[in-house]
Amino acid sequence: MGKKYHLFEVYGIELEYMLVNQSNLKVAPIVDALLTNKNGELTSDIENGAIAWSNELVAHVVEIKTNGPTANLNNLSKEFHKNIVEINALLQPLNTQLLPTASHPLMNPLTDTQLWKHSYSEVYELYNRIFNCKGHGWSNVQSTHINLPFYDDNEFEKLHAAIRILLPLIPGLCASSPILEGQSTGFKDTRLEYYQTNQKEIPEMTGFVIPEQVFSKSDYHKTIFEPIKKAIKPFDTQNILDHHFLNSRGAIARFDRNAIEIRLVDIQECPKADMAICVLIIEVLKHLVNDGFTSLSNQKEWSNVSLFNLLNPIIKSGEAYIVSDVNYLDLFGIHEPLSIQNIWKKIYDDVKPNIDTSHYEALDIILNEGTLSTRILKAIDNNFSEDNIKTIYFDLANCLQTNSLFRA
């Protein structure tokens, strides 16, 4: 285990992108070629200054992430964008480019999915045997992960309590997956709709997406890790799977590196939007941890089932969903029913003085014009022809290349 850090001392951010053909938007399973072109020979991990690149489960998704813990969030939009421009330049001769958003709108996962065939392939093959990874919930789900450190059980308790409370609101801030196979799915956050069920064969792995009420390392092992290990044993006869990775809740405790990883954030159209969302989430968590909205004891009272029952309709309706549970609203100092959009506006006002002004433009667009899903659907304007969808998503790819927000 590396150095341990205190709450909010450092951060780790991970962004996942799909490779697509520049001519027809089809999935391009050539991450191995990208990594080889950059490195001179195939490797699964590349350090590129402040940012690192790596492969994912499937051959068409690349992850770029902070190269180790960083204390500075405000420079990451530029650092990530610099790497995106470099990746697109390497892909250009291959008639390929990066595509943002959490789901490809036209992909057929049954025919378009190729698993990563190189390092760790035995792990991916085992996952495929258990869960059949040729589905939208496995091969068409790009996300942003936020890693936050804790030093000891006392800090873990505060951080885990705050994260659990905030998780249900996250899809109403950053949903970006409204279209699959050329049609509106009816869900603003289709990625999370699949996330709930893509490991249904072993329900202990995802649980109710919201983690259980556990606030110490020993309780976490007993309540979450031990049932997972027991459930996976008949499938993993060679013991090659790690319980840290098997845990698929919306926030997972990584005791191997003393961090909690938030996994409910859909990736956006550009790093400027991703980092603005990450900064807002982090500042709200700081406020919760410091009892800025409500006490730790109030936060700990909420069961995973109660919080999931709030999350579930927000996955469908996004920022339009109206929360009427006064006890939940009270956690954020709100005393009347409000839409998720207005809840986030209220929370943003409370923490805005702590947010660098470089993030204001992106947050104003997201909070006033809606989630990326909402803006995509507005731009589509009920025309789900393949040509129109391609036009919109090539526009989104251009937003990624130029680090600019998408506006319908």
Protein backbone atom coordinates (compact mmCIF):
# COMPACT_ATOMS: atom_id res chain seq x y z
CA MET A 1 0.00 0.00 0.00
CA GLY A 2 1.28 3.49 -0.86
CA LYS A 3 1.21 6.62 1.25
CA LYS A 4 -2.01 7.30 3.13
CA TYR A 5 -3.67 10.68 2.73
CA HIS A 6 -6.20 12.63 4.79
CA LEU A 7 -9.66 13.67 3.62
CA PHE A 8 -9.59 15.85 0.48
CA GLU A 9 -5.79 16.11 0.58
CA VAL A 10 -5.46 14.55 -2.89
CA TYR A 11 -7.73 13.23 -5.64
CA GLY A 12 -7.79 10.66 -8.41
CA ILE A 13 -9.93 11.18 -11.54
CA GLU A 14 -10.50 8.58 -14.28
CA LEU A 15 -12.20 9.24 -17.65
CA GLU A 16 -13.30 6.52 -20.10
CA TYR A 17 -13.69 7.09 -23.84
CA MET A 18 -14.81 4.97 -26.75
CA LEU A 19 -12.91 4.73 -30.05
CA VAL A 20 -15.06 5.15 -33.16
CA ASN A 21 -14.56 5.29 -36.91
CA GLN A 22 -14.34 8.88 -38.18
CA SER A 23 -16.43 8.13 -41.26
CA ASN A 24 -19.39 6.15 -39.93
CA LEU A 25 -19.21 6.34 -36.08
CA LYS A 26 -18.86 2.56 -35.81
CA VAL A 27 -17.05 1.17 -32.77
CA ALA A 28 -13.30 0.77 -33.40
CA PRO A 29 -11.76 -1.99 -31.21
CA ILE A 30 -8.16 -0.82 -31.69
CA VAL A 31 -7.03 0.48 -28.30
CA ASP A 32 -4.09 -1.92 -28.61
CA ALA A 33 -3.00 -0.12 -31.79
CA LEU A 34 -3.32 3.25 -30.03
CA LEU A 35 -1.18 2.14 -27.08
CA THR A 36 1.36 0.54 -29.41
CA ASN A 37 1.60 3.68 -31.54
CA LYS A 38 2.25 5.78 -28.44
CA ASN A 39 4.67 3.42 -26.69
CA GLY A 40 6.46 1.70 -29.61
CA GLU A 41 5.26 -1.69 -28.32
CA LEU A 42 2.06 -2.92 -26.74
CA THR A 43 1.57 -2.12 -23.07
CA SER A 44 -1.57 -1.88 -20.96
CA ASP A 45 -0.42 1.26 -19.10
CA ILE A 46 1.32 4.41 -20.31
CA GLU A 47 2.53 7.28 -18.13
CA ASN A 48 2.28 10.55 -20.03
CA GLY A 49 3.31 13.23 -17.57
CA ALA A 50 0.42 14.23 -15.28
CA ILE A 51 -1.94 11.80 -17.06
CA ALA A 52 -1.77 8.03 -17.61
CA TRP A 53 -3.50 5.92 -20.26
CA SER A 54 -4.72 2.33 -19.95
CA ASN A 55 -6.99 -0.28 -21.52
CA GLU A 56 -10.37 -1.41 -20.23
CA LEU A 57 -12.41 -4.64 -20.35
CA VAL A 58 -13.28 -4.13 -24.01
CA ALA A 59 -10.96 -3.38 -26.93
CA HIS A 60 -12.70 -0.13 -27.95
CA VAL A 61 -12.47 1.78 -24.63
CA VAL A 62 -9.43 3.67 -23.35
CA GLU A 63 -9.12 5.18 -19.88
CA ILE A 64 -7.15 8.32 -19.16
CA LYS A 65 -6.54 9.20 -15.53
CA THR A 66 -4.47 11.25 -13.13
CA ASN A 67 -1.01 9.69 -12.95
CA GLY A 68 -1.18 9.07 -9.22
CA PRO A 69 -2.86 11.25 -6.59
CA THR A 70 -3.01 14.99 -7.31
CA ALA A 71 -3.80 17.92 -5.04
CA ASN A 72 -4.78 20.26 -7.89
CA LEU A 73 -8.16 19.73 -9.56
CA ASN A 74 -8.25 23.07 -11.39
CA ASN A 75 -5.50 22.23 -13.91
CA LEU A 76 -6.94 18.82 -14.86
CA SER A 77 -9.32 20.01 -17.56
CA LYS A 78 -6.35 21.31 -19.56
CA GLU A 79 -4.18 18.27 -18.78
CA PHE A 80 -6.89 15.81 -19.84
CA HIS A 81 -7.68 17.85 -22.96
CA LYS A 82 -4.00 17.91 -23.98
CA ASN A 83 -3.98 14.09 -23.83
CA ILE A 84 -7.25 13.84 -25.77
CA VAL A 85 -5.79 15.97 -28.57
CA GLU A 86 -2.69 13.75 -28.61
CA ILE A 87 -4.76 10.55 -28.70
CA ASN A 88 -6.89 11.86 -31.55
CA ALA A 89 -3.73 12.77 -33.47
CA LEU A 90 -2.43 9.20 -33.03
CA LEU A 91 -5.80 7.81 -34.14
CA GLN A 92 -6.16 10.11 -37.17
CA PRO A 93 -4.12 7.88 -39.58
CA LEU A 94 -6.35 4.97 -38.49
CA ASN A 95 -9.50 6.95 -39.43
CA THR A 96 -10.53 6.76 -35.77
CA GLN A 97 -11.31 9.25 -33.00
CA LEU A 98 -12.52 9.43 -29.41
CA LEU A 99 -16.24 9.66 -28.68
CA PRO A 100 -17.53 11.15 -25.42
CA THR A 101 -20.77 10.44 -23.47
CA ALA A 102 -21.61 7.35 -21.44
CA SER A 103 -23.16 5.35 -24.28
CA HIS A 104 -22.74 4.91 -28.02
CA PRO A 105 -26.15 5.68 -29.58
CA LEU A 106 -25.97 3.13 -32.43
CA MET A 107 -23.77 0.31 -31.14
CA ASN A 108 -24.97 -3.29 -31.35
CA PRO A 109 -23.12 -4.88 -28.43
CA LEU A 110 -23.73 -8.43 -29.65
CA THR A 111 -21.82 -7.86 -32.88
CA ASP A 112 -19.56 -4.89 -32.01
CA THR A 113 -17.98 -6.09 -28.75
CA GLN A 114 -14.45 -7.46 -28.60
CA LEU A 115 -12.91 -8.18 -25.21
CA TRP A 116 -9.35 -7.01 -24.46
CA LYS A 117 -7.15 -9.94 -25.46
CA HIS A 118 -3.84 -8.93 -23.90
CA SER A 119 -2.76 -8.35 -20.26
CA TYR A 120 -5.28 -9.49 -17.59
CA SER A 121 -7.26 -11.22 -20.33
CA GLU A 122 -7.82 -14.24 -18.04
CA VAL A 123 -9.73 -11.95 -15.64
CA TYR A 124 -11.85 -10.52 -18.45
CA GLU A 125 -12.54 -13.98 -19.88
CA LEU A 126 -13.76 -15.17 -16.49
CA TYR A 127 -16.05 -12.15 -16.18
CA ASN A 128 -17.36 -12.93 -19.65
CA ARG A 129 -18.06 -16.57 -18.74
CA ILE A 130 -20.00 -15.54 -15.64
CA PHE A 131 -21.88 -12.48 -16.92
CA ASN A 132 -21.67 -12.52 -20.75
CA CYS A 133 -20.04 -9.13 -21.26
CA LYS A 134 -21.50 -8.66 -24.74
CA GLY A 135 -24.23 -6.31 -23.55
CA HIS A 136 -24.77 -2.58 -23.19
CA GLY A 137 -24.17 -2.84 -19.44
CA TRP A 138 -20.62 -4.08 -20.05
CA SER A 139 -19.39 -2.78 -23.38
CA ASN A 140 -21.30 0.50 -23.79
CA VAL A 141 -20.90 2.24 -20.43
CA GLN A 142 -18.29 5.00 -20.20
CA SER A 143 -17.99 6.76 -16.87
CA THR A 144 -15.98 9.17 -14.77
CA HIS A 145 -14.58 7.82 -11.50
CA ILE A 146 -13.76 10.07 -8.55
CA ASN A 147 -11.28 8.66 -6.00
CA LEU A 148 -11.19 10.28 -2.56
CA PRO A 149 -8.75 9.31 0.23
CA PHE A 150 -9.35 8.57 3.92
CA TYR A 151 -6.66 8.08 6.55
CA ASP A 152 -8.33 5.83 9.14
CA ASP A 153 -11.69 4.49 10.31
CA ASN A 154 -12.71 7.88 11.67
CA GLU A 155 -12.22 9.54 8.28
CA PHE A 156 -13.74 6.58 6.44
CA GLU A 157 -16.91 6.89 8.54
CA LYS A 158 -17.37 10.58 7.66
CA LEU A 159 -16.54 10.18 3.97
CA HIS A 160 -18.64 7.05 3.42
CA ALA A 161 -21.64 8.59 5.20
CA ALA A 162 -21.46 11.75 3.06
CA ILE A 163 -20.98 9.88 -0.24
CA ARG A 164 -23.94 7.55 0.45
CA ILE A 165 -26.24 10.54 1.02
CA LEU A 166 -25.16 12.31 -2.18
CA LEU A 167 -25.16 9.32 -4.58
CA PRO A 168 -28.90 9.46 -5.45
CA LEU A 169 -28.59 13.04 -6.74
CA ILE A 170 -25.66 12.38 -9.07
CA PRO A 171 -27.59 11.19 -12.19
CA GLY A 172 -29.58 14.43 -12.07
CA LEU A 173 -26.33 16.35 -12.54
CA CYS A 174 -24.46 14.29 -15.11
CA ALA A 175 -26.68 11.79 -16.99
CA SER A 176 -25.36 11.47 -20.56
CA SER A 177 -26.76 8.18 -21.88
CA PRO A 178 -30.30 8.70 -23.28
CA ILE A 179 -30.03 6.76 -26.57
CA LEU A 180 -29.29 3.11 -27.38
CA GLU A 181 -29.53 1.36 -30.74
CA GLY A 182 -30.96 4.44 -32.40
CA GLN A 183 -33.83 5.05 -30.00
CA SER A 184 -34.55 7.07 -26.89
CA THR A 185 -34.50 4.59 -24.01
CA GLY A 186 -36.86 6.60 -21.78
CA PHE A 187 -34.02 6.90 -19.24
CA LYS A 188 -31.82 9.96 -18.85
CA ASP A 189 -29.15 7.69 -17.36
CA THR A 190 -29.42 4.42 -19.26
CA ARG A 191 -25.90 3.48 -18.18
CA LEU A 192 -27.06 3.30 -14.57
CA GLU A 193 -30.23 1.45 -15.50
CA TYR A 194 -27.99 -1.30 -16.88
CA TYR A 195 -25.53 -0.89 -14.01
CA GLN A 196 -28.20 -2.10 -11.58
CA THR A 197 -28.70 -5.44 -13.31
CA ASN A 198 -25.65 -6.34 -15.40
CA GLN A 199 -24.35 -8.57 -12.57
CA LYS A 200 -27.71 -10.05 -11.61
CA GLU A 201 -26.20 -13.55 -11.67
CA ILE A 202 -24.37 -12.64 -8.44
CA PRO A 203 -26.49 -9.93 -6.77
CA GLU A 204 -24.08 -9.60 -3.85
CA MET A 205 -21.68 -7.70 -6.13
CA THR A 206 -23.86 -4.66 -6.83
CA GLY A 207 -26.36 -4.87 -3.97
CA PHE A 208 -28.74 -1.92 -4.07
CA VAL A 209 -26.08 0.23 -5.81
CA ILE A 210 -26.02 2.47 -2.71
CA PRO A 211 -23.60 0.88 -0.21
CA GLU A 212 -24.90 -0.51 3.06
CA GLN A 213 -24.73 1.38 6.37
CA VAL A 214 -21.15 0.37 7.18
CA PHE A 215 -18.73 2.88 8.62
CA SER A 216 -15.60 0.93 9.58
CA LYS A 217 -13.16 -1.34 7.77
CA SER A 218 -14.14 -4.42 9.82
CA ASP A 219 -17.88 -3.87 9.26
CA TYR A 220 -17.27 -3.31 5.55
CA HIS A 221 -15.45 -6.64 5.24
CA LYS A 222 -18.14 -8.46 7.20
CA THR A 223 -21.15 -6.87 5.48
CA ILE A 224 -19.93 -6.39 1.88
CA PHE A 225 -16.69 -8.23 1.08
CA GLU A 226 -17.38 -11.55 2.82
CA PRO A 227 -20.74 -12.17 1.06
CA ILE A 228 -19.10 -11.27 -2.28
CA LYS A 229 -16.23 -13.71 -1.71
CA LYS A 230 -18.66 -16.47 -0.74
CA ALA A 231 -20.91 -15.85 -3.75
CA ILE A 232 -18.07 -15.76 -6.31
CA LYS A 233 -16.27 -18.87 -5.01
CA PRO A 234 -18.17 -21.44 -7.14
CA PHE A 235 -17.35 -19.40 -10.27
CA ASP A 236 -13.77 -18.37 -9.46
CA THR A 237 -12.26 -21.76 -8.68
CA GLN A 238 -8.70 -20.50 -9.31
CA ASN A 239 -9.05 -17.45 -7.03
CA ILE A 240 -8.00 -14.92 -9.66
CA LEU A 241 -10.59 -12.22 -8.85
CA ASP A 242 -9.98 -9.53 -6.21
CA HIS A 243 -12.87 -8.60 -3.90
CA HIS A 244 -11.98 -4.90 -4.26
CA PHE A 245 -12.80 -5.12 -7.98
CA LEU A 246 -15.76 -7.46 -7.57
CA ASN A 247 -17.55 -4.91 -5.40
CA SER A 248 -19.68 -3.03 -7.92
CA ARG A 249 -21.68 -0.65 -5.77
CA GLY A 250 -22.04 2.96 -6.86
CA ALA A 251 -19.22 3.84 -4.47
CA ILE A 252 -16.64 1.25 -3.50
CA ALA A 253 -14.17 1.24 -0.62
CA ARG A 254 -10.62 0.51 -1.76
CA PHE A 255 -8.90 -0.42 1.50
CA ASP A 256 -5.89 -1.53 -0.57
CA ARG A 257 -5.24 2.17 -1.23
CA ASN A 258 -7.35 3.85 1.48
CA ALA A 259 -9.77 5.52 -0.89
CA ILE A 260 -13.44 5.47 -1.87
CA GLU A 261 -14.20 5.43 -5.60
CA ILE A 262 -17.45 7.05 -6.77
CA ARG A 263 -18.72 5.32 -9.92
CA LEU A 264 -22.15 6.83 -10.67
CA VAL A 265 -20.89 9.72 -12.81
CA ASP A 266 -21.63 9.47 -16.54
CA ILE A 267 -18.79 10.89 -18.62
CA GLN A 268 -19.55 14.22 -20.30
CA GLU A 269 -18.77 15.81 -23.66
CA CYS A 270 -15.42 17.30 -22.59
CA PRO A 271 -13.03 17.48 -19.62
CA LYS A 272 -14.18 21.03 -18.84
CA ALA A 273 -17.64 19.62 -18.04
CA ASP A 274 -16.27 16.50 -16.30
CA MET A 275 -14.00 18.46 -13.99
CA ALA A 276 -16.67 21.06 -13.15
CA ILE A 277 -18.97 18.22 -12.08
CA CYS A 278 -16.20 16.50 -10.10
CA VAL A 279 -15.32 19.74 -8.31
CA LEU A 280 -18.97 20.42 -7.42
CA ILE A 281 -19.45 16.88 -6.07
CA ILE A 282 -16.25 17.14 -4.04
CA GLU A 283 -17.16 20.53 -2.56
CA VAL A 284 -20.60 19.25 -1.54
CA LEU A 285 -18.97 16.23 0.11
CA LYS A 286 -16.58 18.52 2.00
CA HIS A 287 -19.60 20.48 3.23
CA LEU A 288 -21.34 17.28 4.37
CA VAL A 289 -18.21 15.92 6.05
CA ASN A 290 -17.85 19.18 7.98
CA ASP A 291 -21.53 19.07 9.09
CA GLY A 292 -22.24 22.05 6.83
CA PHE A 293 -25.69 20.77 5.92
CA THR A 294 -26.52 18.23 8.63
CA SER A 295 -24.88 16.10 11.30
CA LEU A 296 -22.98 12.87 10.76
CA SER A 297 -25.55 10.97 12.84
CA ASN A 298 -28.35 12.16 10.51
CA GLN A 299 -26.38 11.06 7.47
CA LYS A 300 -25.73 7.60 8.91
CA GLU A 301 -29.42 6.95 9.60
CA TRP A 302 -30.29 6.36 5.95
CA SER A 303 -30.50 2.75 4.76
CA ASN A 304 -29.23 1.69 1.35
CA VAL A 305 -32.77 0.66 0.37
CA SER A 306 -34.23 4.08 1.26
CA LEU A 307 -31.52 5.85 -0.73
CA PHE A 308 -31.90 3.44 -3.68
CA ASN A 309 -35.64 4.16 -3.78
CA LEU A 310 -34.71 7.78 -4.34
CA LEU A 311 -31.93 7.02 -6.85
CA ASN A 312 -34.08 4.77 -9.04
CA PRO A 313 -36.56 7.37 -10.39
CA ILE A 314 -33.73 9.88 -10.84
CA ILE A 315 -31.96 7.38 -13.13
CA LYS A 316 -35.08 7.58 -15.29
CA SER A 317 -36.09 11.24 -15.06
CA GLY A 318 -32.78 12.94 -14.30
CA GLU A 319 -32.93 16.54 -13.18
CA ALA A 320 -36.69 16.78 -13.78
CA TYR A 321 -37.57 14.42 -10.90
CA ILE A 322 -39.16 16.19 -7.94
CA VAL A 323 -38.07 15.07 -4.49
CA SER A 324 -40.82 15.36 -1.89
CA ASP A 325 -39.22 13.41 0.97
CA VAL A 326 -38.82 16.19 3.53
CA ASN A 327 -36.43 14.14 5.67
CA TYR A 328 -34.04 13.68 2.76
CA LEU A 329 -34.34 17.32 1.67
CA ASP A 330 -33.59 18.37 5.24
CA LEU A 331 -30.14 16.75 4.89
CA PHE A 332 -29.27 19.62 2.52
CA GLY A 333 -31.10 22.39 4.39
CA ILE A 334 -34.04 22.34 1.96
CA HIS A 335 -37.56 22.55 3.36
CA GLU A 336 -39.88 22.22 0.36
CA PRO A 337 -40.27 19.76 -2.55
CA LEU A 338 -37.86 20.62 -5.35
CA SER A 339 -36.73 19.19 -8.67
CA ILE A 340 -33.27 17.64 -8.75
CA GLN A 341 -32.20 20.54 -10.98
CA ASN A 342 -33.23 23.06 -8.32
CA ILE A 343 -31.73 20.98 -5.51
CA TRP A 344 -28.36 21.12 -7.30
CA LYS A 345 -28.77 24.88 -7.89
CA LYS A 346 -29.41 25.40 -4.18
CA ILE A 347 -26.45 23.20 -3.17
CA TYR A 348 -24.23 24.96 -5.73
CA ASP A 349 -25.11 28.34 -4.25
CA ASP A 350 -24.06 27.05 -0.82
CA VAL A 351 -20.61 25.89 -1.96
CA LYS A 352 -19.92 28.24 -4.90
CA PRO A 353 -17.52 30.48 -2.92
CA ASN A 354 -15.21 27.45 -2.56
CA ILE A 355 -15.20 26.62 -6.28
CA ASP A 356 -12.60 28.07 -8.64
CA THR A 357 -14.14 30.53 -11.10
CA SER A 358 -12.76 28.47 -14.02
CA HIS A 359 -15.61 26.01 -13.43
CA TYR A 360 -18.47 28.55 -13.32
CA GLU A 361 -19.26 28.58 -17.04
CA ALA A 362 -19.65 24.80 -17.30
CA LEU A 363 -21.71 24.55 -14.12
CA ASP A 364 -24.00 27.38 -15.20
CA ILE A 365 -24.72 25.60 -18.51
CA ILE A 366 -25.30 22.21 -16.84
CA LEU A 367 -27.50 23.59 -14.06
CA ASN A 368 -29.55 25.92 -16.29
CA GLU A 369 -29.75 24.04 -19.60
CA GLY A 370 -29.93 20.54 -18.14
CA THR A 371 -27.89 17.36 -18.07
CA LEU A 372 -26.06 16.35 -21.22
CA SER A 373 -28.82 13.76 -21.81
CA THR A 374 -31.40 16.55 -21.83
CA ARG A 375 -29.32 18.68 -24.19
CA ILE A 376 -28.74 15.71 -26.53
CA LEU A 377 -32.45 14.88 -26.69
CA LYS A 378 -33.30 18.54 -27.33
CA ALA A 379 -30.81 18.61 -30.22
CA ILE A 380 -32.17 15.34 -31.63
CA ASP A 381 -35.64 16.95 -31.64
CA ASN A 382 -37.43 13.59 -32.01
CA ASN A 383 -35.57 12.82 -35.25
CA PHE A 384 -33.94 9.47 -34.49
CA SER A 385 -32.75 8.83 -38.02
CA GLU A 386 -29.27 7.37 -38.17
CA ASP A 387 -27.99 10.42 -40.06
CA ASN A 388 -29.30 12.86 -37.47
CA ILE A 389 -27.93 10.84 -34.57
CA LYS A 390 -24.50 10.68 -36.26
CA THR A 391 -24.56 14.45 -36.85
CA ILE A 392 -25.25 15.14 -33.16
CA TYR A 393 -22.64 12.68 -31.90
CA PHE A 394 -19.96 13.90 -34.29
CA ASP A 395 -20.73 17.35 -32.86
CA LEU A 396 -20.15 15.86 -29.39
CA ALA A 397 -16.84 14.39 -30.57
CA ASN A 398 -15.88 17.88 -31.73
CA CYS A 399 -16.76 19.23 -28.27
CA LEU A 400 -14.28 16.72 -26.87
CA GLN A 401 -11.56 17.78 -29.32
CA THR A 402 -12.09 21.49 -28.55
CA ASN A 403 -12.89 21.12 -24.81
CA SER A 404 -16.17 23.01 -25.19
CA LEU A 405 -19.65 22.32 -23.81
CA PHE A 406 -22.47 21.02 -25.98
CA ARG A 407 -25.48 23.30 -26.31
CA ALA A 408 -28.65 22.20 -28.07
